[in-house]
Amino acid sequence: MRYAEFRRQGLFVGSGVIEAGCRTVGGRLKRSGMFWTVDGANAITALRCAHLSNRFDDYWEDRAAA
């Protein structure tokens, strides 16, 4: 990775935020009594990401066009 270049652009280059996000998602999928297939977990993760990034309507438009 070109860390110096990315830092000059003000971009975050650490892995801690990503690792915490993975832990959070994993924790949500592994709660008591839950069972997820890989496809189901991927689908719900995509929906949650679309919702949190204010792109929920775009997500459904893209799905309808496919």
N, C-alpha and C. Protein backbone atom coordinates (compact mmCIF):
# COMPACT_ATOMS: atom_id res chain seq x y z
N MET A 1 0.84 -1.19 0.00
CA MET A 1 0.00 0.00 0.00
C MET A 1 0.88 1.24 0.00
N ARG A 2 0.37 2.27 -0.56
CA ARG A 2 1.09 3.56 -0.62
C ARG A 2 0.62 4.42 0.55
N TYR A 3 1.07 4.06 1.76
CA TYR A 3 0.61 4.71 2.98
C TYR A 3 0.82 6.22 2.97
N ALA A 4 2.01 6.65 2.60
CA ALA A 4 2.31 8.09 2.63
C ALA A 4 1.38 8.86 1.70
N GLU A 5 1.16 8.32 0.52
CA GLU A 5 0.27 8.99 -0.43
C GLU A 5 -1.16 9.07 0.11
N PHE A 6 -1.63 7.98 0.67
CA PHE A 6 -2.99 7.95 1.20
C PHE A 6 -3.14 8.88 2.40
N ARG A 7 -2.11 8.94 3.24
CA ARG A 7 -2.16 9.86 4.39
C ARG A 7 -2.20 11.31 3.93
N ARG A 8 -1.44 11.65 2.88
CA ARG A 8 -1.47 13.02 2.34
C ARG A 8 -2.86 13.39 1.86
N GLN A 9 -3.60 12.40 1.39
CA GLN A 9 -4.97 12.63 0.92
C GLN A 9 -5.97 12.64 2.08
N GLY A 10 -5.47 12.41 3.28
CA GLY A 10 -6.35 12.42 4.45
C GLY A 10 -7.13 11.13 4.62
N LEU A 11 -6.70 10.05 3.97
CA LEU A 11 -7.40 8.78 4.06
C LEU A 11 -6.89 7.98 5.25
N PHE A 12 -7.75 7.20 5.82
CA PHE A 12 -7.42 6.36 6.97
C PHE A 12 -6.72 5.10 6.46
N VAL A 13 -5.60 4.71 7.06
CA VAL A 13 -4.87 3.54 6.59
C VAL A 13 -4.73 2.44 7.65
N GLY A 14 -5.29 2.62 8.82
CA GLY A 14 -5.20 1.62 9.87
C GLY A 14 -6.20 0.50 9.68
N SER A 15 -5.96 -0.64 10.30
CA SER A 15 -6.85 -1.78 10.16
C SER A 15 -7.79 -1.94 11.36
N GLY A 16 -7.58 -1.18 12.41
CA GLY A 16 -8.38 -1.33 13.62
C GLY A 16 -9.86 -1.13 13.42
N VAL A 17 -10.24 -0.14 12.62
CA VAL A 17 -11.66 0.13 12.38
C VAL A 17 -12.30 -1.04 11.63
N ILE A 18 -11.60 -1.58 10.65
CA ILE A 18 -12.13 -2.71 9.89
C ILE A 18 -12.26 -3.94 10.79
N GLU A 19 -11.24 -4.19 11.61
CA GLU A 19 -11.29 -5.33 12.51
C GLU A 19 -12.45 -5.20 13.49
N ALA A 20 -12.68 -4.01 14.01
CA ALA A 20 -13.81 -3.79 14.93
C ALA A 20 -15.13 -4.01 14.21
N GLY A 21 -15.22 -3.56 12.96
CA GLY A 21 -16.44 -3.77 12.17
C GLY A 21 -16.72 -5.25 11.95
N CYS A 22 -15.68 -6.01 11.65
CA CYS A 22 -15.83 -7.46 11.47
C CYS A 22 -16.31 -8.12 12.75
N ARG A 23 -15.76 -7.68 13.87
CA ARG A 23 -16.16 -8.23 15.17
C ARG A 23 -17.63 -7.91 15.45
N THR A 24 -18.05 -6.69 15.14
CA THR A 24 -19.43 -6.28 15.37
C THR A 24 -20.39 -7.10 14.51
N VAL A 25 -20.08 -7.22 13.22
CA VAL A 25 -20.95 -7.99 12.31
C VAL A 25 -20.98 -9.44 12.76
N GLY A 26 -19.81 -10.01 13.04
CA GLY A 26 -19.76 -11.39 13.49
C GLY A 26 -20.57 -11.62 14.75
N GLY A 27 -20.49 -10.68 15.68
CA GLY A 27 -21.26 -10.78 16.92
C GLY A 27 -22.75 -10.76 16.67
N ARG A 28 -23.19 -9.94 15.75
CA ARG A 28 -24.62 -9.87 15.43
C ARG A 28 -25.12 -11.16 14.80
N LEU A 29 -24.26 -11.78 13.99
CA LEU A 29 -24.68 -13.00 13.29
C LEU A 29 -24.61 -14.23 14.19
N LYS A 30 -23.93 -14.13 15.31
CA LYS A 30 -23.71 -15.29 16.17
C LYS A 30 -24.47 -15.21 17.49
N ARG A 31 -25.49 -14.40 17.55
CA ARG A 31 -26.25 -14.30 18.80
C ARG A 31 -27.00 -15.59 19.08
N SER A 32 -27.42 -15.75 20.31
CA SER A 32 -28.08 -16.95 20.76
C SER A 32 -29.28 -17.31 19.88
N GLY A 33 -29.31 -18.55 19.43
CA GLY A 33 -30.44 -19.04 18.65
C GLY A 33 -30.41 -18.70 17.18
N MET A 34 -29.43 -17.94 16.73
CA MET A 34 -29.38 -17.55 15.32
C MET A 34 -28.62 -18.58 14.49
N PHE A 35 -29.10 -18.79 13.28
CA PHE A 35 -28.40 -19.64 12.33
C PHE A 35 -28.47 -18.94 10.97
N TRP A 36 -27.34 -18.72 10.37
CA TRP A 36 -27.27 -18.05 9.08
C TRP A 36 -26.53 -18.91 8.08
N THR A 37 -27.04 -18.96 6.87
CA THR A 37 -26.25 -19.51 5.78
C THR A 37 -25.32 -18.40 5.31
N VAL A 38 -24.30 -18.76 4.56
CA VAL A 38 -23.38 -17.73 4.04
C VAL A 38 -24.16 -16.77 3.13
N ASP A 39 -25.03 -17.29 2.27
CA ASP A 39 -25.82 -16.42 1.38
C ASP A 39 -26.73 -15.49 2.17
N GLY A 40 -27.37 -16.02 3.21
CA GLY A 40 -28.25 -15.19 4.03
C GLY A 40 -27.48 -14.10 4.77
N ALA A 41 -26.32 -14.45 5.32
CA ALA A 41 -25.50 -13.47 6.02
C ALA A 41 -25.01 -12.39 5.06
N ASN A 42 -24.59 -12.79 3.86
CA ASN A 42 -24.15 -11.81 2.87
C ASN A 42 -25.29 -10.87 2.47
N ALA A 43 -26.48 -11.42 2.32
CA ALA A 43 -27.63 -10.61 1.91
C ALA A 43 -27.99 -9.59 2.99
N ILE A 44 -28.05 -10.03 4.24
CA ILE A 44 -28.44 -9.09 5.30
C ILE A 44 -27.35 -8.05 5.53
N THR A 45 -26.09 -8.44 5.36
CA THR A 45 -24.99 -7.49 5.49
C THR A 45 -25.07 -6.43 4.40
N ALA A 46 -25.38 -6.83 3.17
CA ALA A 46 -25.52 -5.87 2.07
C ALA A 46 -26.67 -4.90 2.34
N LEU A 47 -27.78 -5.41 2.84
CA LEU A 47 -28.91 -4.53 3.16
C LEU A 47 -28.56 -3.55 4.27
N ARG A 48 -27.89 -4.04 5.31
CA ARG A 48 -27.52 -3.15 6.43
C ARG A 48 -26.54 -2.07 5.97
N CYS A 49 -25.58 -2.45 5.15
CA CYS A 49 -24.62 -1.47 4.63
C CYS A 49 -25.33 -0.43 3.77
N ALA A 50 -26.24 -0.88 2.93
CA ALA A 50 -26.99 0.05 2.08
C ALA A 50 -27.80 1.03 2.94
N HIS A 51 -28.43 0.51 3.99
CA HIS A 51 -29.22 1.36 4.88
C HIS A 51 -28.34 2.39 5.60
N LEU A 52 -27.23 1.93 6.16
CA LEU A 52 -26.37 2.82 6.94
C LEU A 52 -25.64 3.86 6.08
N SER A 53 -25.49 3.58 4.79
CA SER A 53 -24.82 4.54 3.91
C SER A 53 -25.83 5.37 3.11
N ASN A 54 -27.11 5.31 3.53
CA ASN A 54 -28.18 6.07 2.86
C ASN A 54 -28.30 5.74 1.38
N ARG A 55 -28.07 4.47 1.04
CA ARG A 55 -28.17 4.02 -0.35
C ARG A 55 -29.18 2.89 -0.47
N PHE A 56 -30.12 2.81 0.45
CA PHE A 56 -31.08 1.71 0.48
C PHE A 56 -31.93 1.67 -0.80
N ASP A 57 -32.42 2.83 -1.22
CA ASP A 57 -33.23 2.88 -2.45
C ASP A 57 -32.39 2.52 -3.66
N ASP A 58 -31.14 2.97 -3.70
CA ASP A 58 -30.24 2.62 -4.80
C ASP A 58 -30.03 1.11 -4.86
N TYR A 59 -29.90 0.49 -3.69
CA TYR A 59 -29.70 -0.97 -3.63
C TYR A 59 -30.85 -1.69 -4.33
N TRP A 60 -32.07 -1.28 -4.01
CA TRP A 60 -33.22 -1.97 -4.61
C TRP A 60 -33.37 -1.66 -6.08
N GLU A 61 -33.02 -0.44 -6.48
CA GLU A 61 -33.06 -0.12 -7.91
C GLU A 61 -32.07 -0.98 -8.68
N ASP A 62 -30.88 -1.14 -8.14
CA ASP A 62 -29.87 -1.98 -8.78
C ASP A 62 -30.33 -3.44 -8.86
N ARG A 63 -30.96 -3.93 -7.79
CA ARG A 63 -31.44 -5.32 -7.78
C ARG A 63 -32.56 -5.52 -8.81
N ALA A 64 -33.44 -4.54 -8.95
CA ALA A 64 -34.54 -4.65 -9.90
C ALA A 64 -34.03 -4.63 -11.34
N ALA A 65 -32.94 -3.88 -11.58
CA ALA A 65 -32.40 -3.77 -12.93
C ALA A 65 -31.63 -5.02 -13.34
N ALA A 66 -31.19 -5.81 -12.37
CA ALA A 66 -30.35 -7.00 -12.68
C ALA A 66 -31.15 -8.14 -13.25
